[in-house]
Amino acid sequence: MKRKSGKRSWKLLYLEISFSWFKVVFLMKR
């Protein structure tokens, strides 16, 4: 992972984490 701008990187990280969580929940529920 590369760090360019603090706020944008943390926002992207948050989006990635939420997406991964959604994927895990979907797979588990399936």
PDB file of N, CA and C in Angstrom:
ATOM      1  N   MET A   1       0.838  -1.216   0.000  1.00  0.00           N
ATOM      2  CA  MET A   1       0.000   0.000   0.000  1.00  0.00           C
ATOM      3  C   MET A   1       0.866   1.257   0.000  1.00  0.00           C
ATOM      4  N   LYS A   2       0.463   2.229  -0.770  1.00  0.00           N
ATOM      5  CA  LYS A   2       1.229   3.479  -0.828  1.00  0.00           C
ATOM      6  C   LYS A   2       0.461   4.595  -0.140  1.00  0.00           C
ATOM      7  N   ARG A   3       1.197   5.434   0.584  1.00  0.00           N
ATOM      8  CA  ARG A   3       0.547   6.566   1.269  1.00  0.00           C
ATOM      9  C   ARG A   3       0.882   7.859   0.528  1.00  0.00           C
ATOM     10  N   LYS A   4      -0.136   8.505  -0.013  1.00  0.00           N
ATOM     11  CA  LYS A   4       0.090   9.792  -0.691  1.00  0.00           C
ATOM     12  C   LYS A   4      -0.540  10.910   0.124  1.00  0.00           C
ATOM     13  N   SER A   5      -1.853  10.869   0.284  1.00  0.00           N
ATOM     14  CA  SER A   5      -2.523  11.872   1.119  1.00  0.00           C
ATOM     15  C   SER A   5      -3.209  11.147   2.266  1.00  0.00           C
ATOM     16  N   GLY A   6      -3.042  11.646   3.472  1.00  0.00           N
ATOM     17  CA  GLY A   6      -3.572  10.977   4.661  1.00  0.00           C
ATOM     18  C   GLY A   6      -5.067  10.755   4.607  1.00  0.00           C
ATOM     19  N   LYS A   7      -5.820  11.833   4.371  1.00  0.00           N
ATOM     20  CA  LYS A   7      -7.282  11.718   4.434  1.00  0.00           C
ATOM     21  C   LYS A   7      -7.812  10.792   3.338  1.00  0.00           C
ATOM     22  N   ARG A   8      -7.286  10.949   2.136  1.00  0.00           N
ATOM     23  CA  ARG A   8      -7.792  10.124   1.034  1.00  0.00           C
ATOM     24  C   ARG A   8      -7.439   8.662   1.246  1.00  0.00           C
ATOM     25  N   SER A   9      -6.221   8.396   1.730  1.00  0.00           N
ATOM     26  CA  SER A   9      -5.801   7.007   1.929  1.00  0.00           C
ATOM     27  C   SER A   9      -6.671   6.344   2.992  1.00  0.00           C
ATOM     28  N   TRP A  10      -6.986   7.076   4.066  1.00  0.00           N
ATOM     29  CA  TRP A  10      -7.798   6.472   5.142  1.00  0.00           C
ATOM     30  C   TRP A  10      -9.220   6.262   4.655  1.00  0.00           C
ATOM     31  N   LYS A  11      -9.675   7.147   3.770  1.00  0.00           N
ATOM     32  CA  LYS A  11     -11.026   6.977   3.229  1.00  0.00           C
ATOM     33  C   LYS A  11     -11.072   5.735   2.343  1.00  0.00           C
ATOM     34  N   LEU A  12     -10.043   5.556   1.510  1.00  0.00           N
ATOM     35  CA  LEU A  12      -9.969   4.381   0.643  1.00  0.00           C
ATOM     36  C   LEU A  12      -9.873   3.119   1.479  1.00  0.00           C
ATOM     37  N   LEU A  13      -9.072   3.180   2.544  1.00  0.00           N
ATOM     38  CA  LEU A  13      -8.918   2.024   3.426  1.00  0.00           C
ATOM     39  C   LEU A  13     -10.258   1.659   4.036  1.00  0.00           C
ATOM     40  N   TYR A  14     -11.002   2.668   4.487  1.00  0.00           N
ATOM     41  CA  TYR A  14     -12.326   2.432   5.088  1.00  0.00           C
ATOM     42  C   TYR A  14     -13.254   1.763   4.075  1.00  0.00           C
ATOM     43  N   LEU A  15     -13.220   2.246   2.835  1.00  0.00           N
ATOM     44  CA  LEU A  15     -14.066   1.666   1.786  1.00  0.00           C
ATOM     45  C   LEU A  15     -13.678   0.217   1.528  1.00  0.00           C
ATOM     46  N   GLU A  16     -12.377  -0.050   1.473  1.00  0.00           N
ATOM     47  CA  GLU A  16     -11.908  -1.414   1.224  1.00  0.00           C
ATOM     48  C   GLU A  16     -12.324  -2.348   2.344  1.00  0.00           C
ATOM     49  N   ILE A  17     -12.177  -1.883   3.595  1.00  0.00           N
ATOM     50  CA  ILE A  17     -12.546  -2.710   4.752  1.00  0.00           C
ATOM     51  C   ILE A  17     -14.032  -3.004   4.736  1.00  0.00           C
ATOM     52  N   SER A  18     -14.843  -1.982   4.492  1.00  0.00           N
ATOM     53  CA  SER A  18     -16.300  -2.181   4.487  1.00  0.00           C
ATOM     54  C   SER A  18     -16.688  -3.144   3.365  1.00  0.00           C
ATOM     55  N   PHE A  19     -16.050  -3.012   2.205  1.00  0.00           N
ATOM     56  CA  PHE A  19     -16.353  -3.894   1.078  1.00  0.00           C
ATOM     57  C   PHE A  19     -15.977  -5.332   1.405  1.00  0.00           C
ATOM     58  N   SER A  20     -14.791  -5.517   2.016  1.00  0.00           N
ATOM     59  CA  SER A  20     -14.350  -6.866   2.375  1.00  0.00           C
ATOM     60  C   SER A  20     -15.301  -7.471   3.400  1.00  0.00           C
ATOM     61  N   TRP A  21     -15.748  -6.668   4.366  1.00  0.00           N
ATOM     62  CA  TRP A  21     -16.687  -7.150   5.386  1.00  0.00           C
ATOM     63  C   TRP A  21     -17.986  -7.585   4.728  1.00  0.00           C
ATOM     64  N   PHE A  22     -18.472  -6.778   3.796  1.00  0.00           N
ATOM     65  CA  PHE A  22     -19.713  -7.100   3.085  1.00  0.00           C
ATOM     66  C   PHE A  22     -19.571  -8.426   2.342  1.00  0.00           C
ATOM     67  N   LYS A  23     -18.415  -8.609   1.713  1.00  0.00           N
ATOM     68  CA  LYS A  23     -18.148  -9.857   0.984  1.00  0.00           C
ATOM     69  C   LYS A  23     -18.171 -11.044   1.938  1.00  0.00           C
ATOM     70  N   VAL A  24     -17.497 -10.905   3.070  1.00  0.00           N
ATOM     71  CA  VAL A  24     -17.433 -11.999   4.050  1.00  0.00           C
ATOM     72  C   VAL A  24     -18.829 -12.337   4.553  1.00  0.00           C
ATOM     73  N   VAL A  25     -19.606 -11.317   4.888  1.00  0.00           N
ATOM     74  CA  VAL A  25     -20.967 -11.548   5.404  1.00  0.00           C
ATOM     75  C   VAL A  25     -21.815 -12.240   4.344  1.00  0.00           C
ATOM     76  N   PHE A  26     -21.689 -11.780   3.103  1.00  0.00           N
ATOM     77  CA  PHE A  26     -22.474 -12.365   2.010  1.00  0.00           C
ATOM     78  C   PHE A  26     -22.115 -13.838   1.827  1.00  0.00           C
ATOM     79  N   LEU A  27     -20.812 -14.137   1.842  1.00  0.00           N
ATOM     80  CA  LEU A  27     -20.361 -15.521   1.664  1.00  0.00           C
ATOM     81  C   LEU A  27     -20.824 -16.388   2.827  1.00  0.00           C
ATOM     82  N   MET A  28     -20.758 -15.861   4.033  1.00  0.00           N
ATOM     83  CA  MET A  28     -21.153 -16.630   5.218  1.00  0.00           C
ATOM     84  C   MET A  28     -22.657 -16.884   5.208  1.00  0.00           C
ATOM     85  N   LYS A  29     -23.423 -15.875   4.823  1.00  0.00           N
ATOM     86  CA  LYS A  29     -24.888 -16.031   4.799  1.00  0.00           C
ATOM     87  C   LYS A  29     -25.295 -16.997   3.698  1.00  0.00           C
ATOM     88  N   ARG A  30     -24.514 -17.014   2.618  1.00  0.00           N
ATOM     89  CA  ARG A  30     -24.803 -17.913   1.514  1.00  0.00           C
ATOM     90  C   ARG A  30     -24.441 -19.319   1.938  1.00  0.00           C
TER      91      ARG A  30
END
